[in-house]
Amino acid sequence: MTAALRIKNSLSSGDYVTSNIVECDFSRLRNLALRLSRNPVSLLVFALAFLSHLTSAVRADEAEAAGPRHTIAVHMTSPADGCYDPGVKKAIEHFVKLRVAEVNRYPELVIRKLRVEFYNDRDDPKLAIENVRKALADPTTIAMVGLSGSKRAPAVFEALGSEIANSKIPFISDIGTSDTFAAYPNVFTMRPSQEEERLPVMGRFIVDGKYQKPAFVGIADNPGIDALVAGLGKQFGMPTLVATHRLAVKDNEFDATLMKALVDDIKAREADIAIVALGAAPSTEFLKLATAAGVTVPVLFVFGSDAILKTPEAKVYGNDIYQLAWDTLPDVYNNRLRERIAKASEDIWIFEDTPVAGASGWSSGVCKLKTETAPQAVFSSANLRAIGRGTQFADMIGLIGEIARSAPDIENLSTFRAHITEKLQTAYIAGRGTYRGEFDNWSFKADSRSAARTPAILIHPRGTEFAQLAPTQYVRLRNDSLHAIQTIYMDIDLNRIFRVDDNEKSFFAEFYMSMRTGGAVGMDNIEFGNAFLDAEDGGAKLLVNSLHNGGPSSVYPEGVQISKVVGKFMMSPNLSNYPFDTQLFSVQLQPKNGENAFIIQPPREVLRDRDSQSDGWVMIDQYVGFDEDYIPLTDARNAEKSVVPFYKMNFSWVMKREATDYYLRVVIPLIFILIVAYLSIFIPREHFEAIVTIQVTALLSAVALYLSIPKVSAEAATISDRIFLFDYMAVSLMIAISIVRVNERVQTYPGLARVLKLAHIVVVPLLCIGMAFYVMSLDTGYLPSVTVATGVK
């Protein structure tokens, strides 16, 4: 006779899934049960194994039923030669996978999870078309992210534009010109629109700077440059270009003779500013030739990174050089990124270009080894760009996941797609709503469906070796107009941090604050955003003493306001590694009201004073962090939602707690307690009562020590708690082994007795030594666990 043991797993839908039908003969089961009943240990092992098998079967069914059913296609690119696996590509894959895992933990997506499919077009328009076609043909695709390139993107929409529109799949692209996808309402871009962001800022910069004879130099045969020139002439108050030059550039190669000719023409036409839209190498050559020709007009670079401002050619150029910046600011870090890294556990934060061993270019000579040999730093420009690109793609995945949580019908694919598109067009429109991503805030322009991100303007002052924010910046208002704001050149010189309270999550700081504002902003306009608010006193605990108001003085520098500040500030400590922890202490500055908004430019890192005193702490790093926050508002009368953005700057110090006191008060006493308990095992077993008495006393001593030391109110067990738990476990293990070793039945098995003796004498001390090495490894510096993305699967 046979029977089927069926395992039923109730799903949220109310259905039942039948799995793992186990058939067995009852007579064989009865004989097996009789044999096992004579050996309780074997019966227990068999029962545990059987239950484990059944649990695995149930989990397998759950995984199958709740497996990914919706796909997000991620389009990216890498060099066509395939010689190197780009760090940017690895960063995109890494952060996207992390974000998908986070999104799939949402309760609303527990049954129908999301997955990603990566497509690499290798800078080939034909391959880009084929990749998008495959994603459109996938019946599980709910959204697409990525696709860039001034040639690849237009080619895709020319070939597949109607299919993309008809599919109604929301497509958050990476296209720089919104005209490319203007006819397709389900297409967006995570890049700011050239027409709505870059051009208005360029126009205001030219007009407010009172330039009358601008000249333009750009790449030839480039649709983006064509649109830039056409749009520049439409800006309000924009003067007519006195010269417009195009230069053929391919792989940073160009005709130097033509470059010299256009420089001479700019000089001959007496232009008062040059607008340059070239690559890195041509831009450097432009500065070199302009210096040689005696051209000394200001230059505005509108493409590329701030690397051009750090070149020797920029240092010797005869006037100020400006640069539009989107992602990074000089000597300022993304505050969310720095906070995330400061609290990192085993995350990957370095993304280097790594050679692809199987690439055919290595044998043919096309591939060339890169000259730099030093490992890439976490905060190097190249690595930060890779992290920035990776987190942008990941934020788009997070945005889609956030929208998916409110989908009325996640099973109906067409309804699901339409819901995502509708939310992107309404809930996340600039001025109405914002998605708070991992490191950036995201919203889209209503007309162009491009990311709402206004560029900053950098300046390389003439004769200097550094770049900084220009004195005037621009921000968007609720009516979509540009508003000029002041740049405050500020430094905070920390004297000391004291009275750190881990339970209250606060600290006192004393510092000097100096700022040059041009008289537009004073201390009355600045608010300390993380000042500790005392309910009893009814306000912030701050004392601000003005030392100099910026006027003429023989003691203080003219134009610089200087104040001494002593106050109590809030912090958000992560105490999981207490007392071997590294904490972040910050002073947050923000405008008191939106009418007097400002942005802060700190001095270069090499000029900041690192000499400070902190009771019980050692400074290991300092930085200035930048963040854009917003105030969500709802007009109850008109039922309209809006957001008011503002900037925050954090002067931060990364400090490591000194653990000397903890070693003396806790670690060393616990070591002696363990030693005494361990030595007791060598007392003859005839004195068993004495052995157990010593070990129990050791256990109680450890408990008493734990109750007597100061403790922090952490959300989870700290390292200190784990050390004590290990001590309890080690002493309890010694007590248990001591008891078992004197048991008469155990003594009848000589082999078992020898194993217990070995465990008592060897295994226990090895465990303690291992724990000691673990504790010592925690007492290390900043970022001990940062690893490198190698690209190895």
Foldseek 3Di string as FASTA:
>chain_A
DKDWDWDWDQDPVRDTDTDDTDIDDVVVVVVVVVVCVVPVVSVVVVVVVVVVVSVVGNVVVQCVQQDAQAEEEEEDEDALLQFWDALLVVLQVQLQVVLQVVLCPPPLSRRHGYYYDYQYQNPPLVSLLVSVVVLLPPPRYQAYEEDEDQPNLLSNCVVCVVSVQVSLRQYAYAYAALVSNLVRLSYFYQAFHCLQFLLQQVQCVCVVVVFAEEAEEAAPPGVVVVVSVVSNVVHPPRHDHLYYYHWHADPNDTDLVVLLVVLVVCVVSVGQEYEYEYDQNSVLSNLVSNVVVVNQHEYEYEDDACVSCQDPSVQQHNFKYKYWAFQDFAQAALVLVVVCLQPDDQDAQFRHIGTDVPRPCVVVVNDDDDDDDDGDDSPDPSSVVSNVSSQSSNQVVVLLSVQQSPQPDNPDSVSSSNSSSVCLLPQQAAFFHWDDGSRAIFGAHNNSSYTPTHIFMKMNGHNDNGIHGDQWGWDADSVRDIDIAGEKAKDKAWAEKEDQDQQVQKIKTKIKMKIATVPLDDPVFKDFPFFDADPVVGGGFKDKAWDDPQDDDPPDDHRMTMIIMIGMGGADFAQQAPPFGKGKDKTKMWTPDPVRAYHYIYDHPVPHDPDYYYVQKDWDDWGKYKYKDWDWDADVVVRGIGIGIGIMMIGMTIITGHCPVVCVLPVVVLVVLLVQLLVLVPDDLVVLVVNLVSLVVSLVVLVVSVVPDDDHDHPDHHPSNVVSVVSNVLSVLLNVLSVLLPDPVQVVPVVSNVVSVCCSNPVSVVVVVVVVVVSVVSNDDGSPNHDHDPVDD
